[in-house]
Amino acid sequence: MTTTVHPVLRVAPAAPAAAAAYFRAGLAFHADVSDVAAALAVDGDPGFVVLDSRSTESWEQGHIPGAIHLPTALIPEQAEQLLDKSVPVVTYCWGPGCNGATRAALALAELGYQVKEMLGGFEYWAREGFEFETWEGRERRAADPLTAPVDAADCGC
């Protein structure tokens, strides 16, 4: 009798200790949109700054309130004027299909900053119904039920 190995298990899962190390490392490099929003919603210092690495046109189209605008290409020459190396930085760009936040995080890390990338970027910030700013003022869209709970304060994860 031949047993079919499905694609999911064609390569065996990692050993639990290796998986734990991998996922722990991922959390050291990434932040979740909901976690960033929750930290920014609390009165006081969240312990990090948020950096939008997109163009000025993109920034004006919409950005996270309180974020610092610093396009990736300008990080080497302007980061030290805008950021404190003792404060962690959370970068974001358009969304999961864009690696601009990854490039910005790399540029900052190479300059000696502690940095995380916000998964989902501005796309998921807006899709999850969090307030954002445009050149016209503040806006908020209804949460997309495919990305955020409709009737709960958080997703429970």
Protein backbone atom coordinates (compact mmCIF):
# COMPACT_ATOMS: atom_id res chain seq x y z
CA MET A 1 0.00 0.00 0.00
CA THR A 2 1.37 3.39 -1.04
CA THR A 3 0.86 6.31 1.28
CA THR A 4 0.44 9.70 -0.38
CA VAL A 5 2.41 12.50 1.21
CA HIS A 6 0.57 15.76 0.75
CA PRO A 7 2.54 18.91 -0.10
CA VAL A 8 2.07 20.34 3.41
CA LEU A 9 4.06 17.48 4.94
CA ARG A 10 6.38 16.74 2.02
CA VAL A 11 9.00 18.57 4.09
CA ALA A 12 8.54 17.51 7.69
CA PRO A 13 7.75 20.18 10.30
CA ALA A 14 10.72 21.47 12.27
CA ALA A 15 11.50 20.08 15.68
CA PRO A 16 9.59 21.99 18.41
CA ALA A 17 12.74 23.68 19.77
CA ALA A 18 13.77 24.85 16.28
CA ALA A 19 10.22 26.06 15.58
CA ALA A 20 10.13 27.97 18.88
CA ALA A 21 13.45 29.67 18.08
CA TYR A 22 12.26 30.60 14.60
CA PHE A 23 8.93 32.05 15.73
CA ARG A 24 10.55 33.88 18.69
CA ALA A 25 13.01 35.45 16.25
CA GLY A 26 10.14 36.51 13.97
CA LEU A 27 8.48 38.36 16.84
CA ALA A 28 11.74 40.20 17.48
CA PHE A 29 11.63 41.55 13.92
CA HIS A 30 7.92 42.16 13.35
CA ALA A 31 5.03 44.03 14.95
CA ASP A 32 1.34 43.50 14.29
CA VAL A 33 -0.90 46.40 13.14
CA SER A 34 -3.33 45.77 16.01
CA ASP A 35 -0.54 45.71 18.60
CA VAL A 36 0.92 48.97 17.27
CA ALA A 37 -2.53 50.61 17.32
CA ALA A 38 -3.21 49.41 20.87
CA ALA A 39 0.15 50.73 22.10
CA LEU A 40 -0.40 54.11 20.44
CA ALA A 41 -3.94 54.37 21.87
CA VAL A 42 -2.69 54.24 25.47
CA ASP A 43 -1.94 57.60 27.05
CA GLY A 44 1.77 58.14 27.50
CA ASP A 45 4.85 56.96 25.70
CA PRO A 46 4.43 53.61 23.90
CA GLY A 47 8.21 53.10 24.03
CA PHE A 48 8.72 53.28 20.25
CA VAL A 49 8.23 55.60 17.29
CA VAL A 50 6.45 54.75 14.05
CA LEU A 51 8.17 55.58 10.78
CA ASP A 52 6.41 55.84 7.41
CA SER A 53 8.99 55.08 4.73
CA ARG A 54 6.83 56.00 1.70
CA SER A 55 6.97 58.98 -0.66
CA THR A 56 5.53 62.38 0.21
CA GLU A 57 2.60 61.77 -2.15
CA SER A 58 1.81 58.50 -0.36
CA TRP A 59 2.21 60.13 3.07
CA GLU A 60 -0.30 62.85 2.11
CA GLN A 61 -2.73 60.20 0.84
CA GLY A 62 -2.85 58.78 4.37
CA HIS A 63 -0.55 57.92 7.27
CA ILE A 64 -0.65 56.79 10.89
CA PRO A 65 -1.23 59.73 13.25
CA GLY A 66 1.98 60.65 15.03
CA ALA A 67 4.21 58.74 12.59
CA ILE A 68 7.48 60.23 11.42
CA HIS A 69 7.78 60.60 7.66
CA LEU A 70 11.16 59.53 6.33
CA PRO A 71 11.31 57.96 2.87
CA THR A 72 13.72 55.02 2.71
CA ALA A 73 16.12 56.77 0.33
CA LEU A 74 16.57 59.62 2.84
CA ILE A 75 17.26 57.46 5.91
CA PRO A 76 21.08 57.53 5.66
CA GLU A 77 21.22 61.33 5.59
CA GLN A 78 18.25 62.28 7.84
CA ALA A 79 17.67 59.52 10.40
CA GLU A 80 19.96 60.99 13.04
CA GLN A 81 18.13 64.35 12.84
CA LEU A 82 14.71 62.76 13.34
CA LEU A 83 15.26 59.65 15.48
CA ASP A 84 16.82 58.82 18.83
CA LYS A 85 18.90 55.62 18.73
CA SER A 86 17.72 54.73 22.24
CA VAL A 87 14.07 54.51 21.07
CA PRO A 88 12.97 51.50 18.98
CA VAL A 89 11.50 52.27 15.56
CA VAL A 90 8.57 50.48 13.89
CA THR A 91 8.62 50.90 10.11
CA TYR A 92 5.75 50.61 7.68
CA CYS A 93 5.12 51.06 3.98
CA TRP A 94 2.07 50.35 1.79
CA GLY A 95 1.22 46.76 2.62
CA PRO A 96 2.20 43.12 2.51
CA GLY A 97 2.92 43.30 -1.23
CA CYS A 98 5.57 45.98 -0.67
CA ASN A 99 9.01 45.50 0.84
CA GLY A 100 9.64 49.19 1.47
CA ALA A 101 9.28 48.80 5.24
CA THR A 102 11.80 45.95 5.11
CA ARG A 103 14.30 48.12 3.22
CA ALA A 104 13.72 50.97 5.67
CA ALA A 105 14.21 48.64 8.65
CA LEU A 106 17.44 47.34 7.12
CA ALA A 107 18.74 50.88 6.53
CA LEU A 108 17.95 51.84 10.13
CA ALA A 109 19.48 48.67 11.58
CA GLU A 110 22.66 49.30 9.59
CA LEU A 111 22.80 52.75 11.23
CA GLY A 112 22.50 51.23 14.71
CA TYR A 113 18.76 51.61 15.43
CA GLN A 114 16.59 48.98 17.12
CA VAL A 115 13.85 48.32 14.60
CA LYS A 116 10.77 46.23 13.84
CA GLU A 117 8.67 46.09 10.71
CA MET A 118 4.89 46.49 11.01
CA LEU A 119 3.27 43.59 9.18
CA GLY A 120 0.46 44.62 6.85
CA GLY A 121 1.62 48.21 6.50
CA PHE A 122 -0.70 51.13 5.91
CA GLU A 123 -3.10 48.90 3.95
CA TYR A 124 -3.93 46.79 6.98
CA TRP A 125 -3.94 49.81 9.29
CA ALA A 126 -6.77 51.27 7.21
CA ARG A 127 -8.47 47.90 6.60
CA GLU A 128 -8.60 47.19 10.33
CA GLY A 129 -10.45 50.47 10.86
CA PHE A 130 -7.77 52.49 12.62
CA GLU A 131 -7.74 56.27 12.31
CA PHE A 132 -5.34 57.81 9.81
CA GLU A 133 -4.41 61.31 8.68
CA THR A 134 -4.44 62.78 5.18
CA TRP A 135 -3.65 66.25 3.94
CA GLU A 136 -7.38 66.97 4.51
CA GLY A 137 -7.50 65.79 8.15
CA ARG A 138 -8.27 62.61 10.07
CA GLU A 139 -10.29 59.73 8.65
CA ARG A 140 -11.40 56.27 9.66
CA ARG A 141 -12.90 53.54 7.51
CA ALA A 142 -15.11 50.72 8.66
CA ALA A 143 -13.08 47.62 9.59
CA ASP A 144 -12.91 44.98 6.89
CA PRO A 145 -14.48 41.84 8.46
CA LEU A 146 -11.85 39.72 6.69
CA THR A 147 -9.04 41.45 8.61
CA ALA A 148 -10.55 42.54 11.93
CA PRO A 149 -13.33 41.43 14.26
CA VAL A 150 -16.56 43.32 13.73
CA ASP A 151 -18.02 43.07 17.25
CA ALA A 152 -14.95 42.64 19.47
CA ALA A 153 -12.24 44.91 20.84
CA ASP A 154 -9.48 42.64 19.52
CA CYS A 155 -9.01 39.42 17.58
CA GLY A 156 -7.97 37.41 20.62
CA CYS A 157 -4.67 36.34 19.14
